[in-house]
Amino acid sequence: MKLAAEEKLCLQELYLHHGVATDQLRRIPAVLNAITGAFNRMTGQETDAPTLHRYMVNRRKNKDWPCLGDK
């Protein structure tokens, strides 16, 4: 999955707003679905939750994803 810079920024802001770590999103599907729904409404895309989650996890593994706070 490839996102334009503004789409990536939108997803990052949604992620930070909800404050649930990428590792935990699979365990809290309501939050993942909320992020996915808001992202799709804001960007006009029709991306499913598992694809969006995989994108976030891959970006995190590449150290290209925001941290939620202190470790």
N, C-alpha and C. Protein backbone atom coordinates (compact mmCIF):
# COMPACT_ATOMS: atom_id res chain seq x y z
N MET A 1 0.85 -1.18 0.00
CA MET A 1 0.00 0.00 0.00
C MET A 1 0.89 1.23 0.00
N LYS A 2 0.57 2.17 -0.84
CA LYS A 2 1.34 3.41 -0.93
C LYS A 2 0.36 4.57 -0.72
N LEU A 3 0.72 5.47 0.16
CA LEU A 3 -0.12 6.63 0.44
C LEU A 3 0.60 7.90 0.04
N ALA A 4 -0.17 8.87 -0.42
CA ALA A 4 0.37 10.20 -0.68
C ALA A 4 0.75 10.82 0.66
N ALA A 5 1.59 11.81 0.64
CA ALA A 5 2.08 12.45 1.86
C ALA A 5 0.94 12.96 2.73
N GLU A 6 -0.07 13.59 2.14
CA GLU A 6 -1.18 14.12 2.93
C GLU A 6 -2.06 13.00 3.51
N GLU A 7 -2.16 11.88 2.81
CA GLU A 7 -2.91 10.74 3.33
C GLU A 7 -2.18 10.10 4.51
N LYS A 8 -0.86 10.00 4.39
CA LYS A 8 -0.05 9.45 5.48
C LYS A 8 -0.17 10.34 6.71
N LEU A 9 -0.10 11.65 6.52
CA LEU A 9 -0.22 12.59 7.63
C LEU A 9 -1.60 12.46 8.29
N CYS A 10 -2.63 12.32 7.49
CA CYS A 10 -3.99 12.13 8.00
C CYS A 10 -4.07 10.88 8.87
N LEU A 11 -3.53 9.78 8.39
CA LEU A 11 -3.54 8.53 9.14
C LEU A 11 -2.74 8.65 10.43
N GLN A 12 -1.61 9.31 10.38
CA GLN A 12 -0.80 9.50 11.58
C GLN A 12 -1.55 10.32 12.62
N GLU A 13 -2.24 11.36 12.19
CA GLU A 13 -3.00 12.19 13.12
C GLU A 13 -4.14 11.39 13.76
N LEU A 14 -4.82 10.57 12.98
CA LEU A 14 -5.87 9.72 13.53
C LEU A 14 -5.31 8.74 14.55
N TYR A 15 -4.18 8.15 14.22
CA TYR A 15 -3.50 7.20 15.11
C TYR A 15 -3.14 7.88 16.43
N LEU A 16 -2.53 9.06 16.36
CA LEU A 16 -2.14 9.77 17.57
C LEU A 16 -3.35 10.21 18.38
N HIS A 17 -4.41 10.60 17.69
CA HIS A 17 -5.64 11.02 18.37
C HIS A 17 -6.24 9.89 19.20
N HIS A 18 -6.26 8.69 18.65
CA HIS A 18 -6.86 7.55 19.35
C HIS A 18 -5.92 6.99 20.43
N GLY A 19 -4.62 7.15 20.27
CA GLY A 19 -3.67 6.79 21.31
C GLY A 19 -3.55 5.32 21.65
N VAL A 20 -3.80 4.45 20.68
CA VAL A 20 -3.65 3.01 20.90
C VAL A 20 -2.49 2.52 20.04
N ALA A 21 -1.54 1.85 20.66
CA ALA A 21 -0.35 1.38 19.95
C ALA A 21 -0.71 0.41 18.83
N THR A 22 0.09 0.41 17.78
CA THR A 22 -0.19 -0.45 16.62
C THR A 22 -0.28 -1.92 17.03
N ASP A 23 0.52 -2.35 17.99
CA ASP A 23 0.47 -3.74 18.45
C ASP A 23 -0.86 -4.08 19.11
N GLN A 24 -1.52 -3.11 19.67
CA GLN A 24 -2.77 -3.34 20.39
C GLN A 24 -4.02 -3.17 19.51
N LEU A 25 -3.87 -2.57 18.35
CA LEU A 25 -5.05 -2.28 17.52
C LEU A 25 -5.82 -3.53 17.12
N ARG A 26 -5.12 -4.63 16.89
CA ARG A 26 -5.80 -5.86 16.52
C ARG A 26 -6.67 -6.38 17.67
N ARG A 27 -6.27 -6.09 18.89
CA ARG A 27 -7.00 -6.53 20.07
C ARG A 27 -8.16 -5.61 20.42
N ILE A 28 -8.16 -4.43 19.82
CA ILE A 28 -9.22 -3.45 20.08
C ILE A 28 -9.82 -3.04 18.73
N PRO A 29 -10.60 -3.92 18.12
CA PRO A 29 -11.10 -3.66 16.77
C PRO A 29 -11.98 -2.42 16.65
N ALA A 30 -12.62 -2.01 17.72
CA ALA A 30 -13.45 -0.80 17.65
C ALA A 30 -12.59 0.43 17.32
N VAL A 31 -11.41 0.50 17.89
CA VAL A 31 -10.52 1.64 17.63
C VAL A 31 -9.97 1.55 16.21
N LEU A 32 -9.54 0.36 15.80
CA LEU A 32 -9.04 0.19 14.44
C LEU A 32 -10.11 0.53 13.42
N ASN A 33 -11.34 0.11 13.67
CA ASN A 33 -12.45 0.42 12.76
C ASN A 33 -12.76 1.91 12.75
N ALA A 34 -12.64 2.56 13.90
CA ALA A 34 -12.86 4.01 13.95
C ALA A 34 -11.80 4.75 13.15
N ILE A 35 -10.55 4.34 13.29
CA ILE A 35 -9.46 4.96 12.52
C ILE A 35 -9.69 4.72 11.03
N THR A 36 -10.03 3.50 10.67
CA THR A 36 -10.24 3.15 9.27
C THR A 36 -11.40 3.95 8.68
N GLY A 37 -12.51 4.01 9.40
CA GLY A 37 -13.67 4.75 8.91
C GLY A 37 -13.37 6.22 8.71
N ALA A 38 -12.71 6.83 9.69
CA ALA A 38 -12.37 8.26 9.58
C ALA A 38 -11.38 8.48 8.44
N PHE A 39 -10.40 7.61 8.32
CA PHE A 39 -9.42 7.74 7.24
C PHE A 39 -10.10 7.65 5.88
N ASN A 40 -10.99 6.70 5.71
CA ASN A 40 -11.68 6.54 4.42
C ASN A 40 -12.57 7.74 4.11
N ARG A 41 -13.26 8.27 5.13
CA ARG A 41 -14.10 9.45 4.91
C ARG A 41 -13.25 10.67 4.54
N MET A 42 -12.12 10.83 5.20
CA MET A 42 -11.28 12.01 4.97
C MET A 42 -10.54 11.95 3.64
N THR A 43 -10.22 10.75 3.18
CA THR A 43 -9.42 10.63 1.96
C THR A 43 -10.22 10.18 0.75
N GLY A 44 -11.45 9.70 0.96
CA GLY A 44 -12.25 9.21 -0.15
C GLY A 44 -11.84 7.81 -0.60
N GLN A 45 -11.01 7.14 0.19
CA GLN A 45 -10.57 5.79 -0.15
C GLN A 45 -11.53 4.76 0.43
N GLU A 46 -11.33 3.51 0.04
CA GLU A 46 -12.10 2.39 0.58
C GLU A 46 -11.15 1.31 1.05
N THR A 47 -10.25 1.67 1.93
CA THR A 47 -9.25 0.75 2.46
C THR A 47 -9.85 -0.04 3.61
N ASP A 48 -9.58 -1.34 3.67
CA ASP A 48 -10.10 -2.14 4.78
C ASP A 48 -9.16 -2.05 5.98
N ALA A 49 -9.70 -2.39 7.15
CA ALA A 49 -8.95 -2.26 8.40
C ALA A 49 -7.67 -3.10 8.43
N PRO A 50 -7.69 -4.38 8.00
CA PRO A 50 -6.44 -5.14 8.04
C PRO A 50 -5.33 -4.55 7.18
N THR A 51 -5.69 -4.02 6.02
CA THR A 51 -4.68 -3.41 5.14
C THR A 51 -4.09 -2.16 5.79
N LEU A 52 -4.94 -1.35 6.38
CA LEU A 52 -4.47 -0.13 7.03
C LEU A 52 -3.59 -0.47 8.24
N HIS A 53 -3.98 -1.47 8.99
CA HIS A 53 -3.18 -1.90 10.14
C HIS A 53 -1.81 -2.41 9.69
N ARG A 54 -1.78 -3.21 8.66
CA ARG A 54 -0.52 -3.73 8.13
C ARG A 54 0.38 -2.58 7.68
N TYR A 55 -0.21 -1.56 7.05
CA TYR A 55 0.56 -0.38 6.63
C TYR A 55 1.21 0.29 7.84
N MET A 56 0.43 0.50 8.90
CA MET A 56 0.95 1.16 10.09
C MET A 56 2.07 0.34 10.74
N VAL A 57 1.88 -0.96 10.84
CA VAL A 57 2.89 -1.82 11.45
C VAL A 57 4.17 -1.81 10.61
N ASN A 58 4.04 -1.89 9.30
CA ASN A 58 5.22 -1.86 8.43
C ASN A 58 5.96 -0.54 8.54
N ARG A 59 5.23 0.56 8.60
CA ARG A 59 5.87 1.88 8.75
C ARG A 59 6.60 1.94 10.10
N ARG A 60 5.97 1.39 11.15
CA ARG A 60 6.62 1.39 12.47
C ARG A 60 7.91 0.58 12.44
N LYS A 61 7.87 -0.59 11.80
CA LYS A 61 9.06 -1.42 11.71
C LYS A 61 10.18 -0.72 10.95
N ASN A 62 9.82 0.14 10.01
CA ASN A 62 10.81 0.91 9.24
C ASN A 62 11.18 2.22 9.95
N LYS A 63 10.72 2.36 11.18
CA LYS A 63 10.99 3.56 11.98
C LYS A 63 10.49 4.83 11.30
N ASP A 64 9.36 4.70 10.62
CA ASP A 64 8.74 5.81 9.90
C ASP A 64 7.30 5.98 10.39
N TRP A 65 7.12 5.92 11.71
CA TRP A 65 5.79 6.03 12.29
C TRP A 65 5.92 6.72 13.64
N PRO A 66 4.98 7.58 14.00
CA PRO A 66 5.10 8.31 15.27
C PRO A 66 4.96 7.40 16.50
N CYS A 67 5.64 7.78 17.55
CA CYS A 67 5.53 7.08 18.83
C CYS A 67 4.44 7.76 19.65
N LEU A 68 3.80 6.97 20.49
CA LEU A 68 2.71 7.53 21.31
C LEU A 68 3.20 8.23 22.56
N GLY A 69 4.37 7.92 23.02
CA GLY A 69 4.86 8.58 24.23
C GLY A 69 6.15 7.93 24.69
N ASP A 70 6.43 8.16 25.96
CA ASP A 70 7.64 7.59 26.55
C ASP A 70 7.58 6.07 26.56
N LYS A 71 8.75 5.47 26.38
CA LYS A 71 8.83 4.01 26.41
C LYS A 71 8.87 3.52 27.83
